[in-house]
Amino acid sequence: MVVPPSPADPVPAGPSPDPVPPGGARPGAAAGDASGPPGQGGAGVAGRRTWFLVDLDAFYVSVEQRRDPSLRGRCVVVGAPPGSRGVVCSASYEARRFGVRSAMPSSRAAAMCPGLVFVPPDFAAYERASAEVFEVFRAFAPRVTPMSLDEAYLELTGCERVHARKGVVRPWLDVAGDLRADVLARTELSVSVGIGGTRTVAKVAANLAKPAGVLEVPAGAEAAFLAGLAVEELPGVGETTRAALARLGLVRVGDLARAPADVLERALGRHGLRLARHARGEEGDDDDAEPATRSLSRETSFERDVADTERLAAVLSDLAQHACAALRASGLLAKSVGVKLRDASFRTTEARRRLPEPTDRDRDVLAAADAILRQRHDGRTPLRLVGVALHGLVPAGDRTPGLFDHLETGSGGPAAGRLDAALDALRARHGFGAVVRGRAIDGGGDVPPGRARHR
């Protein structure tokens, strides 16, 4: 049943594949349906912040479809071929109707979806496309917080007059429609937009709006909008946290919002209190200090298991350089580096090392990843997968300049940053493989197509 929106209902615009979302939102409503006073799809609610979460739709696949229009409207995945051990990095919405999802083994995806087209990943192309889209974002909003190559928070608090037309303040849905149109016109890529008074609400709204849609949660409707959702729909609730909440009988966001604070703190510490605040549609002072995206990673599976530590180090170096390039393209720094190792029996080990300071520089990350590998791998155990993850992501503006940076020519100084920027420019023009750092060269043909994750 289609429910007309009330002042407490989220207000969508554009197509959505979902049934009626929580709170009674109407899929497919036009942006004009939301015009009205503040709090009913309008702008300018006093004391309320305004966040857009903008998420590119099936990003990797969309970039490949832009490059090869014959792929549009077809079942397409970016990932390793089905005869390999690899997985799906990204799937078109046509393929998703058959149950194909990212991180699924490619062989399983091929079995589920007859005629599925596999395209090998080209991370350098995705990084260039991301930079194009973020140019549009930065021209549109004074504060842009990248969360990954294909996702960013835009804060538009106080920008009502900036986006007014002929002196008339417009609903945020109309403004978001302009943003979608600008991105599409300039990049041929589609985005979905969630709008809310907190980043959590905007993120959830964007997820419900996909693909190619816009969904706003008006002021005062946040708790009702979230209440009926499963707790895992909240950013920050992974499988471990979901299981802990389930043991407390908390399966819906509304359950979490009403849970006693002492119970949550005993089970999950401060993280539990923070999640409860988000479940109520609230945001505290500490939320500004921590981005919702926790990590960015690159990992790859080998066609044949590899036991030689030097060959593994070469592959890990290549993955780390890809991850650092993506980090710089997203305007982020990492506080720690993680390495994942999976052996032939599928036993997986992961280890992290905290960096002296947040960084996006290749040499810092390469040194940390190499040290972890040599500490954790015995030089004899064959591995089927290795990966690098960058954790504790913060905006690049959080880098603290050193007192003697102007004299430093090593890994931490500005010379290293200029070298990374020069490498990024060369790779953007000639492809990522045109120039790689030392150890990655030793990998030769052992570096297979990798997969990316942003969490």
Protein backbone atom coordinates (compact mmCIF):
# COMPACT_ATOMS: atom_id res chain seq x y z
CA MET A 1 0.00 0.00 0.00
CA VAL A 2 1.26 3.44 -0.87
CA VAL A 3 1.02 5.80 2.09
CA PRO A 4 0.84 9.59 1.52
CA PRO A 5 3.59 11.34 3.47
CA SER A 6 2.73 13.06 6.71
CA PRO A 7 4.98 15.62 8.47
CA ALA A 8 6.61 12.67 10.26
CA ASP A 9 7.30 10.67 7.10
CA PRO A 10 10.60 10.47 5.20
CA VAL A 11 10.19 12.06 1.79
CA PRO A 12 11.75 10.29 -1.21
CA ALA A 13 12.39 11.45 -4.73
CA GLY A 14 13.40 9.38 -7.73
CA PRO A 15 13.17 5.62 -8.29
CA SER A 16 13.83 3.14 -5.51
CA PRO A 17 13.85 -0.66 -5.71
CA ASP A 18 12.67 -0.99 -2.12
CA PRO A 19 9.15 -1.48 -0.79
CA VAL A 20 7.67 1.26 1.37
CA PRO A 21 10.53 2.19 3.75
CA PRO A 22 10.07 2.55 7.49
CA GLY A 23 8.09 5.63 8.46
CA GLY A 24 5.72 5.40 5.48
CA ALA A 25 7.91 6.91 2.74
CA ARG A 26 6.61 6.67 -0.79
CA PRO A 27 8.95 5.17 -3.41
CA GLY A 28 9.04 7.15 -6.64
CA ALA A 29 7.59 10.41 -5.32
CA ALA A 30 8.68 13.50 -7.22
CA ALA A 31 10.84 16.08 -5.49
CA GLY A 32 8.10 18.63 -5.90
CA ASP A 33 5.83 16.57 -3.65
CA ALA A 34 8.06 17.47 -0.76
CA SER A 35 7.87 21.23 -1.06
CA GLY A 36 6.53 22.98 1.96
CA PRO A 37 7.53 24.48 5.28
CA PRO A 38 10.69 23.48 7.12
CA GLY A 39 10.43 19.97 8.49
CA GLN A 40 8.28 18.81 5.54
CA GLY A 41 10.98 18.48 2.93
CA GLY A 42 11.89 22.16 3.15
CA ALA A 43 15.16 23.77 4.25
CA GLY A 44 16.14 25.83 7.24
CA VAL A 45 14.99 24.08 10.42
CA ALA A 46 16.48 26.15 13.24
CA GLY A 47 19.27 24.44 15.17
CA ARG A 48 19.33 21.42 12.89
CA ARG A 49 22.35 20.40 10.88
CA THR A 50 21.86 19.27 7.30
CA TRP A 51 23.81 16.31 5.97
CA PHE A 52 23.79 14.74 2.52
CA LEU A 53 25.27 11.26 2.20
CA VAL A 54 26.06 10.85 -1.49
CA ASP A 55 26.79 7.33 -2.71
CA LEU A 56 27.69 6.37 -6.27
CA ASP A 57 25.49 3.60 -7.66
CA ALA A 58 27.35 0.34 -8.49
CA PHE A 59 30.44 2.49 -8.86
CA TYR A 60 33.02 0.14 -10.41
CA VAL A 61 30.47 -1.32 -12.83
CA SER A 62 29.20 2.16 -13.73
CA VAL A 63 32.72 3.28 -14.64
CA GLU A 64 33.10 0.24 -16.90
CA GLN A 65 29.70 0.94 -18.50
CA ARG A 66 30.75 4.52 -19.14
CA ARG A 67 33.85 3.22 -20.88
CA ASP A 68 31.89 0.55 -22.81
CA PRO A 69 28.23 1.58 -23.29
CA SER A 70 27.40 -1.89 -24.66
CA LEU A 71 27.52 -3.11 -21.04
CA ARG A 72 24.61 -0.90 -19.97
CA GLY A 73 21.44 -2.71 -19.03
CA ARG A 74 23.26 -6.05 -18.81
CA CYS A 75 24.25 -8.37 -15.99
CA VAL A 76 27.84 -7.25 -15.32
CA VAL A 77 30.31 -7.72 -12.52
CA VAL A 78 33.75 -6.29 -11.93
CA GLY A 79 35.95 -9.01 -10.55
CA ALA A 80 38.01 -12.10 -11.22
CA PRO A 81 36.88 -14.52 -13.96
CA PRO A 82 34.68 -17.46 -12.88
CA GLY A 83 37.39 -20.07 -13.43
CA SER A 84 39.61 -18.43 -10.82
CA ARG A 85 39.60 -18.30 -7.03
CA GLY A 86 38.66 -14.63 -7.12
CA VAL A 87 35.53 -12.79 -6.07
CA VAL A 88 33.09 -10.15 -7.29
CA CYS A 89 34.14 -6.56 -6.50
CA SER A 90 30.96 -4.88 -7.78
CA ALA A 91 27.74 -6.01 -9.48
CA SER A 92 25.28 -4.19 -11.69
CA TYR A 93 21.73 -3.90 -10.40
CA GLU A 94 20.62 -6.25 -13.18
CA ALA A 95 22.98 -8.91 -11.78
CA ARG A 96 21.85 -8.24 -8.22
CA ARG A 97 18.34 -9.35 -9.16
CA PHE A 98 19.81 -12.85 -9.52
CA GLY A 99 21.35 -12.65 -6.05
CA VAL A 100 24.86 -11.68 -7.18
CA ARG A 101 26.65 -9.60 -4.54
CA SER A 102 30.09 -8.15 -3.94
CA ALA A 103 32.61 -10.43 -2.16
CA MET A 104 30.83 -13.49 -3.60
CA PRO A 105 33.11 -16.08 -5.27
CA SER A 106 33.08 -15.46 -9.02
CA SER A 107 32.29 -19.11 -9.78
CA ARG A 108 29.17 -18.93 -7.62
CA ALA A 109 28.09 -15.66 -9.25
CA ALA A 110 28.43 -17.21 -12.72
CA ALA A 111 26.28 -20.18 -11.67
CA MET A 112 23.56 -17.91 -10.26
CA CYS A 113 23.34 -15.58 -13.26
CA PRO A 114 23.48 -17.09 -16.78
CA GLY A 115 25.23 -14.82 -19.28
CA LEU A 116 26.95 -12.80 -16.56
CA VAL A 117 29.69 -10.57 -18.03
CA PHE A 118 32.95 -10.39 -16.06
CA VAL A 119 35.18 -7.30 -16.38
CA PRO A 120 38.61 -7.21 -14.68
CA PRO A 121 39.03 -4.38 -12.16
CA ASP A 122 40.88 -1.21 -13.13
CA PHE A 123 41.43 0.62 -9.84
CA ALA A 124 43.33 3.48 -11.46
CA ALA A 125 40.27 4.22 -13.61
CA TYR A 126 38.03 4.15 -10.53
CA GLU A 127 40.30 6.56 -8.70
CA ARG A 128 40.22 8.98 -11.66
CA ALA A 129 36.44 8.76 -11.85
CA SER A 130 36.17 9.35 -8.10
CA ALA A 131 38.27 12.51 -8.42
CA GLU A 132 35.89 13.80 -11.13
CA VAL A 133 32.86 13.26 -8.90
CA PHE A 134 34.48 14.84 -5.84
CA GLU A 135 35.18 17.99 -7.88
CA VAL A 136 31.41 18.35 -8.25
CA PHE A 137 30.89 17.72 -4.53
CA ARG A 138 33.40 20.39 -3.52
CA ALA A 139 31.79 22.97 -5.78
CA PHE A 140 28.43 22.17 -4.20
CA ALA A 141 29.11 22.14 -0.44
CA PRO A 142 31.57 23.95 1.85
CA ARG A 143 32.35 20.79 3.83
CA VAL A 144 32.95 17.47 2.08
CA THR A 145 34.09 14.45 4.10
CA PRO A 146 35.17 11.57 1.83
CA MET A 147 34.38 8.14 3.23
CA SER A 148 35.70 6.10 0.29
CA LEU A 149 36.16 6.44 -3.47
CA ASP A 150 32.40 6.29 -4.01
CA GLU A 151 30.87 7.89 -0.92
CA ALA A 152 31.02 11.22 0.91
CA TYR A 153 29.19 13.30 3.48
CA LEU A 154 28.34 16.84 2.39
CA GLU A 155 27.35 19.27 5.12
CA LEU A 156 24.98 21.98 3.91
CA THR A 157 24.02 23.49 7.25
CA GLY A 158 23.38 27.19 6.71
CA CYS A 159 23.59 26.88 2.91
CA GLU A 160 19.90 27.45 2.22
CA ARG A 161 20.52 30.81 0.50
CA VAL A 162 23.46 29.45 -1.45
CA HIS A 163 21.12 27.07 -3.25
CA ALA A 164 18.12 29.38 -3.41
CA ARG A 165 16.60 30.20 -6.77
CA LYS A 166 15.54 33.79 -7.46
CA GLY A 167 15.85 34.47 -3.74
CA VAL A 168 13.50 31.63 -2.79
CA VAL A 169 14.80 28.92 -0.47
CA ARG A 170 14.08 25.52 -1.98
CA PRO A 171 13.44 22.09 -0.43
CA TRP A 172 16.55 20.03 0.13
CA LEU A 173 15.09 17.37 -2.16
CA ASP A 174 15.24 19.84 -5.05
CA VAL A 175 18.80 20.77 -4.14
CA ALA A 176 19.78 17.09 -4.05
CA GLY A 177 18.14 16.66 -7.44
CA ASP A 178 20.40 19.42 -8.78
CA LEU A 179 23.44 17.62 -7.35
CA ARG A 180 22.43 14.33 -8.96
CA ALA A 181 21.92 16.08 -12.30
CA ASP A 182 25.29 17.86 -12.08
CA VAL A 183 27.17 14.63 -11.33
CA LEU A 184 25.41 12.83 -14.16
CA ALA A 185 26.02 15.64 -16.67
CA ARG A 186 29.70 16.02 -15.82
CA THR A 187 30.70 12.40 -15.22
CA GLU A 188 27.95 10.16 -16.70
CA LEU A 189 27.72 8.48 -13.29
CA SER A 190 24.65 8.10 -11.09
CA VAL A 191 24.46 8.85 -7.38
CA SER A 192 21.91 8.31 -4.64
CA VAL A 193 21.44 10.84 -1.85
CA GLY A 194 20.22 10.50 1.71
CA ILE A 195 19.34 13.67 3.64
CA GLY A 196 19.07 13.97 7.40
CA GLY A 197 19.91 15.94 10.49
CA THR A 198 22.66 13.47 11.45
CA ARG A 199 25.17 11.52 9.40
CA THR A 200 23.72 8.22 10.58
CA VAL A 201 20.23 9.13 9.39
CA ALA A 202 21.59 10.42 6.07
CA LYS A 203 23.57 7.19 5.55
CA VAL A 204 20.59 4.94 6.21
CA ALA A 205 18.38 7.10 3.99
CA ALA A 206 20.89 6.86 1.14
CA ASN A 207 20.92 3.06 1.43
CA LEU A 208 17.13 3.00 1.13
CA ALA A 209 17.17 5.46 -1.79
CA LYS A 210 19.46 3.33 -3.99
CA PRO A 211 19.69 3.15 -6.88
CA ALA A 212 19.39 6.62 -8.45
CA GLY A 213 17.13 8.06 -5.78
CA VAL A 214 16.88 10.70 -3.08
CA LEU A 215 15.34 10.24 0.37
CA GLU A 216 14.98 12.93 3.04
CA VAL A 217 14.11 12.31 6.68
CA PRO A 218 12.50 15.52 7.98
CA ALA A 219 13.28 17.02 11.37
CA GLY A 220 11.50 15.21 14.17
CA ALA A 221 10.97 12.03 12.14
CA GLU A 222 14.40 10.49 12.73
CA ALA A 223 13.57 8.06 15.54
CA ALA A 224 10.37 6.86 13.87
CA PHE A 225 12.21 6.40 10.58
CA LEU A 226 14.89 4.23 12.16
CA ALA A 227 12.79 2.31 14.70
CA GLY A 228 11.57 -0.55 12.49
CA LEU A 229 14.91 -1.29 10.84
CA ALA A 230 17.12 -4.23 11.78
CA VAL A 231 20.00 -3.10 14.01
CA GLU A 232 22.55 -4.10 11.38
CA GLU A 233 21.24 -1.30 9.16
CA LEU A 234 22.97 1.18 11.49
CA PRO A 235 26.54 2.13 10.55
CA GLY A 236 28.91 0.63 13.09
CA VAL A 237 26.89 -2.55 13.68
CA GLY A 238 28.84 -5.47 12.24
CA GLU A 239 28.26 -9.16 12.82
CA THR A 240 29.95 -9.19 16.24
CA THR A 241 27.96 -6.22 17.52
CA ARG A 242 24.74 -7.56 16.00
CA ALA A 243 25.24 -10.86 17.83
CA ALA A 244 25.93 -9.07 21.12
CA LEU A 245 22.78 -7.00 20.74
CA ALA A 246 20.74 -10.10 19.81
CA ARG A 247 21.83 -11.75 23.07
CA LEU A 248 20.24 -8.78 24.84
CA GLY A 249 17.04 -9.22 22.80
CA LEU A 250 17.74 -6.09 20.74
CA VAL A 251 17.01 -6.85 17.08
CA ARG A 252 15.42 -3.62 15.84
CA VAL A 253 16.81 -0.11 15.98
CA GLY A 254 13.85 0.91 18.13
CA ASP A 255 14.81 -1.77 20.67
CA LEU A 256 18.33 -0.34 20.80
CA ALA A 257 17.02 3.21 21.20
CA ARG A 258 15.00 2.20 24.28
CA ALA A 259 17.60 -0.05 25.92
CA PRO A 260 18.87 0.95 29.39
CA ALA A 261 22.21 2.74 29.17
CA ASP A 262 23.84 0.62 31.89
CA VAL A 263 22.96 -2.60 30.04
CA LEU A 264 24.47 -1.32 26.79
CA GLU A 265 27.59 -0.02 28.49
CA ARG A 266 28.24 -3.35 30.21
CA ALA A 267 27.84 -5.24 26.93
CA LEU A 268 29.52 -2.89 24.46
CA GLY A 269 31.17 -0.08 26.41
CA ARG A 270 31.00 3.45 25.06
CA HIS A 271 30.30 2.07 21.60
CA GLY A 272 26.94 0.79 22.84
CA LEU A 273 25.97 4.20 24.23
CA ARG A 274 26.96 5.84 20.96
CA LEU A 275 24.90 3.37 18.92
CA ALA A 276 21.87 4.00 21.14
CA ARG A 277 22.24 7.73 20.57
CA HIS A 278 22.35 7.14 16.81
CA ALA A 279 19.31 4.86 17.07
CA ARG A 280 17.36 7.77 18.55
CA GLY A 281 18.39 10.00 15.64
CA GLU A 282 20.81 11.99 17.80
CA GLU A 283 24.42 12.97 17.28
CA GLY A 284 26.93 14.03 19.95
CA ASP A 285 30.05 16.17 19.96
CA ASP A 286 32.32 13.13 19.58
CA ASP A 287 30.63 12.15 16.31
CA ASP A 288 32.47 14.92 14.47
CA ALA A 289 35.81 13.41 15.38
CA GLU A 290 35.31 9.97 13.85
CA PRO A 291 34.26 9.24 10.26
CA ALA A 292 31.76 6.44 9.68
CA THR A 293 34.09 4.59 7.33
CA ARG A 294 36.56 2.63 9.46
CA SER A 295 38.85 1.11 6.85
CA LEU A 296 39.89 0.90 3.23
CA SER A 297 41.43 -2.29 1.93
CA ARG A 298 42.89 -4.11 -1.03
CA GLU A 299 43.22 -7.89 -1.13
CA THR A 300 43.77 -10.56 -3.76
CA SER A 301 43.56 -14.33 -4.18
CA PHE A 302 46.28 -16.31 -5.96
CA GLU A 303 45.62 -18.75 -8.77
CA ARG A 304 48.13 -21.08 -7.04
CA ASP A 305 49.10 -20.94 -3.37
CA VAL A 306 52.29 -18.97 -2.63
CA ALA A 307 54.67 -19.79 0.24
CA ASP A 308 57.71 -17.67 -0.62
CA THR A 309 57.81 -14.64 1.67
CA GLU A 310 59.57 -12.41 -0.88
CA ARG A 311 56.90 -13.06 -3.50
CA LEU A 312 54.22 -12.41 -0.91
CA ALA A 313 55.97 -9.17 0.07
CA ALA A 314 55.99 -8.06 -3.58
CA VAL A 315 52.24 -8.65 -3.93
CA LEU A 316 51.58 -6.95 -0.60
CA SER A 317 53.60 -3.93 -1.77
CA ASP A 318 51.47 -3.65 -4.90
CA LEU A 319 48.24 -3.87 -2.90
CA ALA A 320 49.49 -1.29 -0.39
CA GLN A 321 50.33 1.16 -3.17
CA HIS A 322 46.84 0.75 -4.64
CA ALA A 323 45.32 1.31 -1.19
CA CYS A 324 47.40 4.44 -0.55
CA ALA A 325 46.46 5.90 -3.93
CA ALA A 326 42.78 5.34 -3.11
CA LEU A 327 43.32 6.92 0.31
CA ARG A 328 44.80 10.06 -1.26
CA ALA A 329 42.05 10.23 -3.87
CA SER A 330 39.50 10.13 -1.03
CA GLY A 331 41.25 12.89 0.95
CA LEU A 332 41.85 10.62 3.94
CA LEU A 333 44.70 9.57 6.24
CA ALA A 334 45.13 6.23 8.03
CA LYS A 335 46.10 5.77 11.68
CA SER A 336 47.05 2.09 11.38
CA VAL A 337 47.89 -0.63 8.85
CA GLY A 338 46.55 -4.17 8.85
CA VAL A 339 47.62 -7.29 6.94
CA LYS A 340 45.37 -10.28 6.20
CA LEU A 341 46.80 -13.74 5.44
CA ARG A 342 44.66 -16.76 4.44
CA ASP A 343 46.19 -20.21 4.00
CA ALA A 344 45.13 -23.16 1.85
CA SER A 345 42.80 -24.45 4.58
CA PHE A 346 41.00 -21.06 4.67
CA ARG A 347 42.40 -20.22 8.09
CA THR A 348 42.67 -16.44 8.21
CA THR A 349 44.92 -14.34 10.43
CA GLU A 350 44.94 -10.55 10.65
CA ALA A 351 47.30 -8.20 12.44
CA ARG A 352 47.54 -4.43 12.80
CA ARG A 353 50.29 -1.93 13.50
CA ARG A 354 49.61 1.62 14.64
CA LEU A 355 51.46 4.34 12.72
CA PRO A 356 53.36 7.13 14.50
CA GLU A 357 50.93 9.64 12.98
CA PRO A 358 48.07 9.54 10.45
CA THR A 359 49.44 9.20 6.93
CA ASP A 360 48.59 8.60 3.27
CA ARG A 361 52.20 8.08 2.19
CA ASP A 362 53.31 4.94 0.43
CA ARG A 363 56.58 4.41 2.23
CA ASP A 364 55.05 4.59 5.71
CA VAL A 365 52.37 2.04 4.83
CA LEU A 366 54.72 -0.23 2.88
CA ALA A 367 57.17 -0.42 5.78
CA ALA A 368 54.43 -1.29 8.28
CA ALA A 369 52.81 -3.91 6.02
CA ASP A 370 56.15 -5.56 5.25
CA ALA A 371 57.04 -5.72 8.94
CA ILE A 372 53.73 -7.39 9.80
CA LEU A 373 54.13 -9.95 7.00
CA ARG A 374 57.60 -10.96 8.15
CA GLN A 375 56.43 -11.24 11.73
CA ARG A 376 53.37 -13.35 10.90
CA HIS A 377 54.48 -15.57 7.99
CA ASP A 378 56.90 -18.41 8.59
CA GLY A 379 58.19 -18.60 5.01
CA ARG A 380 56.81 -22.13 4.54
CA THR A 381 53.01 -22.00 4.82
CA PRO A 382 51.33 -21.65 1.39
CA LEU A 383 48.86 -18.76 1.25
CA ARG A 384 45.87 -18.39 -1.05
CA LEU A 385 45.08 -14.74 -0.20
CA VAL A 386 46.85 -11.66 1.11
CA GLY A 387 45.46 -8.22 1.83
CA VAL A 388 46.28 -4.78 3.19
CA ALA A 389 43.83 -2.63 5.17
CA LEU A 390 44.14 0.99 6.26
CA HIS A 391 42.28 1.66 9.50
CA GLY A 392 41.28 4.66 11.63
CA LEU A 393 40.59 6.93 8.68
CA VAL A 394 40.50 10.68 9.29
CA PRO A 395 40.25 13.66 6.90
CA ALA A 396 43.59 14.70 5.39
CA GLY A 397 43.33 18.08 7.10
CA ASP A 398 44.04 16.29 10.39
CA ARG A 399 47.74 15.80 9.53
CA THR A 400 49.89 17.55 12.14
CA PRO A 401 52.93 19.28 10.55
CA GLY A 402 56.25 18.38 12.13
CA LEU A 403 58.59 21.08 13.45
CA PHE A 404 61.34 20.04 11.04
CA ASP A 405 59.19 18.92 8.09
CA HIS A 406 60.85 21.47 5.83
CA LEU A 407 64.19 19.70 6.36
CA GLU A 408 62.86 16.13 6.09
CA THR A 409 63.51 14.19 2.89
CA GLY A 410 62.60 10.72 4.20
CA SER A 411 59.33 8.87 4.26
CA GLY A 412 57.53 11.33 6.49
CA GLY A 413 58.54 14.62 4.91
CA PRO A 414 57.00 16.77 2.19
CA ALA A 415 59.39 15.35 -0.42
CA ALA A 416 57.74 11.94 0.04
CA GLY A 417 54.33 13.54 -0.34
CA ARG A 418 55.41 15.24 -3.58
CA LEU A 419 56.73 11.94 -4.91
CA ASP A 420 53.42 10.22 -4.15
CA ALA A 421 51.54 13.02 -5.91
CA ALA A 422 53.81 12.71 -8.95
CA LEU A 423 53.26 8.95 -9.08
CA ASP A 424 49.48 9.46 -8.84
CA ALA A 425 49.60 11.88 -11.78
CA LEU A 426 51.65 9.46 -13.92
CA ARG A 427 49.34 6.58 -13.10
CA ALA A 428 46.26 8.65 -13.90
CA ARG A 429 47.67 9.32 -17.36
CA HIS A 430 49.32 5.99 -18.21
CA GLY A 431 47.71 3.40 -15.92
CA PHE A 432 48.69 2.15 -12.48
CA GLY A 433 51.23 -0.35 -13.78
CA ALA A 434 53.21 2.39 -15.56
CA VAL A 435 55.19 3.08 -12.39
CA VAL A 436 55.48 1.04 -9.17
CA ARG A 437 57.76 1.22 -6.18
CA GLY A 438 60.71 -1.13 -5.66
CA ARG A 439 59.55 -4.36 -4.09
CA ALA A 440 56.30 -4.56 -6.11
CA ILE A 441 58.40 -4.93 -9.28
CA ASP A 442 59.65 -8.28 -7.93
CA GLY A 443 56.12 -9.63 -7.97
CA GLY A 444 56.18 -9.92 -11.75
CA GLY A 445 53.22 -11.93 -12.96
CA ASP A 446 52.32 -13.03 -9.43
CA VAL A 447 50.13 -9.99 -8.79
CA PRO A 448 46.62 -10.97 -9.91
CA PRO A 449 43.64 -8.61 -10.12
CA GLY A 450 42.73 -7.55 -6.60
CA ARG A 451 39.50 -6.54 -4.98
CA ALA A 452 38.70 -3.47 -2.96
CA ARG A 453 36.64 -2.89 0.13
CA HIS A 454 35.57 0.22 1.97
CA ARG A 455 33.93 -0.32 5.31
